[in-house]
Amino acid sequence: MLLSTLFVNGILIAAAFALPAAKGAWRSRRASTTNGTSPRDSPGLGSGSRRSQPSIAGSADLQFSTNWAGAVISEAPGFWKAVTSSFNVPQATPGGVAVWVGIDGNTCQQAILQAGINAIDFNGQPTYQAWWEWFPNPETLVPLAVGPGHTMQVSVQANSLTTGLVTIENLSTGQFVQENVQGPVPLCLQDAEWIVEDFEENGGLVPFANFGTVTFSGAAAITNAGGTAIPGGEANVLDIEQNGAVLTSVLVDGVTVVVSHT
């Protein structure tokens, strides 16, 4: 890979910066819960934002969400520095799906720093987008070509509670974007995430696309102390459940998180 090298001290290295793209108005990436628990107790107390939080049910290691599927490692505030992974871009099918890595939004719901891609088909015209977002601000689309079957390498790094660095690279084309970003609300640096999401638009979840399988590879999180954590053995698993039906299946093994539509 050309960029997104993640050193153990949490520094993301890349060689160039892209101009920021226009912000979208239809996305927020906080997870959403439906069981009435406190947002500090479980992921996903939805508030009409595009990133709602996962609804919690089941064991400590397996939880169910209305909109997040994947893996989350939650620690004490101030723990995390950066999160990274590569993943495949799914084929856009009717509806929408987002794939991303991020910091916060699960146990810490006041802010999320995240970056990834959308694969959407709302009108018979498949669309693929790369973006980053610092919730509660809307997403910022970036000028990076993305297509089905491409492999992306995405990293987010917190330089402080309100500043960060986002690196998005298309390994299939060799193109990349790196941006210094600033957030409207401080991060907690408490959650590290690798997520496939059914996002919200106009206050409700969009039809969840049958995305097939998304595989996060080389998934890792860097701590502020310079350590490295991987999802295997440490992460809680989130599956999406809507209207009594479980729509995803998640497998975690070492540095790999496999999310499949059921």
Foldseek 3Di string as FASTA:
>chain_A
DQFQDAALLGDGDDDDAADWADFDDFADAAFAADPPDDQLVWGFPDDLHFRGTAHADDDPQEGEGQWKFWWKFFDAFQWFFKWKWKKFFFAADAKKKWWKKWFDRISHNQWIWMWTKMFHDPDNDTDIWTWIDIPPPGIITGPDDDDGGWMKIWMWGDPFQFKIKIKIAGPVVRDIHIDIGGHPDGGRRTMITGIMTQTGGPRGGMPDTQRFKMKIAQIWTHTNVSHIDARPPRIRGYFYDDPRDTQWDWDDDTNMIMIHGD
